[in-house]
Amino acid sequence: MNNREAIINNYIDAYNSFDIDGMMKDMADDVVFENISGGQVNMTLNGLQAFRQQAEQAKAISAAVDNQ
């Protein structure tokens, strides 16, 4: 496995376990994160702070749904 594959696999593993710090560990401070759904960009986040805020919101929503 090359470094790029390792970074992608680390992100996916962290994403699947709601490990926000793990998701962010290989990201640059000036990351631009785009969510693509149905071939369209439906969200763009600029920087680690914006990414963390969105990830924490998504984690809280998921926890709330799981607790219903």
C-alpha atoms as a PDB file:
ATOM      1  CA  MET A   1       0.000   0.000   0.000  1.00  0.00           C
ATOM      2  CA  ASN A   2       1.375   3.418  -0.885  1.00  0.00           C
ATOM      3  CA  ASN A   3       1.153   6.551   1.278  1.00  0.00           C
ATOM      4  CA  ARG A   4      -1.877   7.911  -0.584  1.00  0.00           C
ATOM      5  CA  GLU A   5      -3.797   4.669  -0.042  1.00  0.00           C
ATOM      6  CA  ALA A   6      -2.826   4.647   3.640  1.00  0.00           C
ATOM      7  CA  ILE A   7      -4.128   8.212   4.093  1.00  0.00           C
ATOM      8  CA  ILE A   8      -7.411   7.326   2.375  1.00  0.00           C
ATOM      9  CA  ASN A   9      -7.810   4.139   4.413  1.00  0.00           C
ATOM     10  CA  ASN A  10      -7.035   5.990   7.654  1.00  0.00           C
ATOM     11  CA  TYR A  11      -9.707   8.578   6.828  1.00  0.00           C
ATOM     12  CA  ILE A  12     -12.311   5.929   5.964  1.00  0.00           C
ATOM     13  CA  ASP A  13     -11.605   3.938   9.132  1.00  0.00           C
ATOM     14  CA  ALA A  14     -11.868   7.074  11.262  1.00  0.00           C
ATOM     15  CA  TYR A  15     -15.024   8.213   9.438  1.00  0.00           C
ATOM     16  CA  ASN A  16     -16.703   4.870  10.015  1.00  0.00           C
ATOM     17  CA  SER A  17     -15.993   5.068  13.751  1.00  0.00           C
ATOM     18  CA  PHE A  18     -16.865   8.796  14.138  1.00  0.00           C
ATOM     19  CA  ASP A  19     -13.238   9.508  15.124  1.00  0.00           C
ATOM     20  CA  ILE A  20     -13.004  13.176  14.148  1.00  0.00           C
ATOM     21  CA  ASP A  21      -9.377  13.578  15.248  1.00  0.00           C
ATOM     22  CA  GLY A  22      -8.480  10.508  13.196  1.00  0.00           C
ATOM     23  CA  MET A  23     -10.300  11.920  10.175  1.00  0.00           C
ATOM     24  CA  MET A  24      -8.309  15.134  10.468  1.00  0.00           C
ATOM     25  CA  LYS A  25      -4.875  13.740  11.285  1.00  0.00           C
ATOM     26  CA  ASP A  26      -3.584  13.748   7.705  1.00  0.00           C
ATOM     27  CA  MET A  27      -5.319  16.985   6.613  1.00  0.00           C
ATOM     28  CA  ALA A  28      -3.504  20.250   5.990  1.00  0.00           C
ATOM     29  CA  ASP A  29      -4.603  23.337   7.914  1.00  0.00           C
ATOM     30  CA  ASP A  30      -5.933  24.862   4.695  1.00  0.00           C
ATOM     31  CA  VAL A  31      -7.861  21.780   3.560  1.00  0.00           C
ATOM     32  CA  VAL A  32     -10.751  22.302   1.150  1.00  0.00           C
ATOM     33  CA  PHE A  33     -13.302  19.552   1.713  1.00  0.00           C
ATOM     34  CA  GLU A  34     -16.090  19.043  -0.817  1.00  0.00           C
ATOM     35  CA  ASN A  35     -19.009  16.705  -0.297  1.00  0.00           C
ATOM     36  CA  ILE A  36     -20.309  15.298  -3.576  1.00  0.00           C
ATOM     37  CA  SER A  37     -23.716  13.689  -3.858  1.00  0.00           C
ATOM     38  CA  GLY A  38     -25.394  12.731  -7.107  1.00  0.00           C
ATOM     39  CA  GLY A  39     -22.464  14.164  -9.029  1.00  0.00           C
ATOM     40  CA  GLN A  40     -22.967  17.621  -7.497  1.00  0.00           C
ATOM     41  CA  VAL A  41     -20.938  19.439  -4.863  1.00  0.00           C
ATOM     42  CA  ASN A  42     -23.456  20.121  -2.105  1.00  0.00           C
ATOM     43  CA  MET A  43     -21.078  21.366   0.585  1.00  0.00           C
ATOM     44  CA  THR A  44     -17.650  23.014   0.605  1.00  0.00           C
ATOM     45  CA  LEU A  45     -15.665  23.500   3.799  1.00  0.00           C
ATOM     46  CA  ASN A  46     -12.516  25.620   3.958  1.00  0.00           C
ATOM     47  CA  GLY A  47      -9.969  24.863   6.664  1.00  0.00           C
ATOM     48  CA  LEU A  48      -9.685  22.469   9.577  1.00  0.00           C
ATOM     49  CA  GLN A  49     -11.957  24.498  11.861  1.00  0.00           C
ATOM     50  CA  ALA A  50     -14.848  24.384   9.365  1.00  0.00           C
ATOM     51  CA  PHE A  51     -14.282  20.665   8.813  1.00  0.00           C
ATOM     52  CA  ARG A  52     -14.256  19.959  12.561  1.00  0.00           C
ATOM     53  CA  GLN A  53     -17.455  21.960  13.133  1.00  0.00           C
ATOM     54  CA  GLN A  54     -19.302  20.072  10.408  1.00  0.00           C
ATOM     55  CA  ALA A  55     -17.975  16.701  11.573  1.00  0.00           C
ATOM     56  CA  GLU A  56     -19.042  17.407  15.164  1.00  0.00           C
ATOM     57  CA  GLN A  57     -22.532  18.432  13.988  1.00  0.00           C
ATOM     58  CA  ALA A  58     -22.851  15.275  11.893  1.00  0.00           C
ATOM     59  CA  LYS A  59     -21.681  13.125  14.815  1.00  0.00           C
ATOM     60  CA  ALA A  60     -24.227  14.749  17.159  1.00  0.00           C
ATOM     61  CA  ILE A  61     -27.061  14.254  14.658  1.00  0.00           C
ATOM     62  CA  SER A  62     -26.102  10.623  14.160  1.00  0.00           C
ATOM     63  CA  ALA A  63     -26.011  10.047  17.932  1.00  0.00           C
ATOM     64  CA  ALA A  64     -29.432  11.673  18.331  1.00  0.00           C
ATOM     65  CA  VAL A  65     -30.932   9.492  15.595  1.00  0.00           C
ATOM     66  CA  ASP A  66     -29.355   6.376  17.108  1.00  0.00           C
ATOM     67  CA  ASN A  67     -30.876   7.221  20.506  1.00  0.00           C
ATOM     68  CA  GLN A  68     -34.444   7.504  19.196  1.00  0.00           C
END
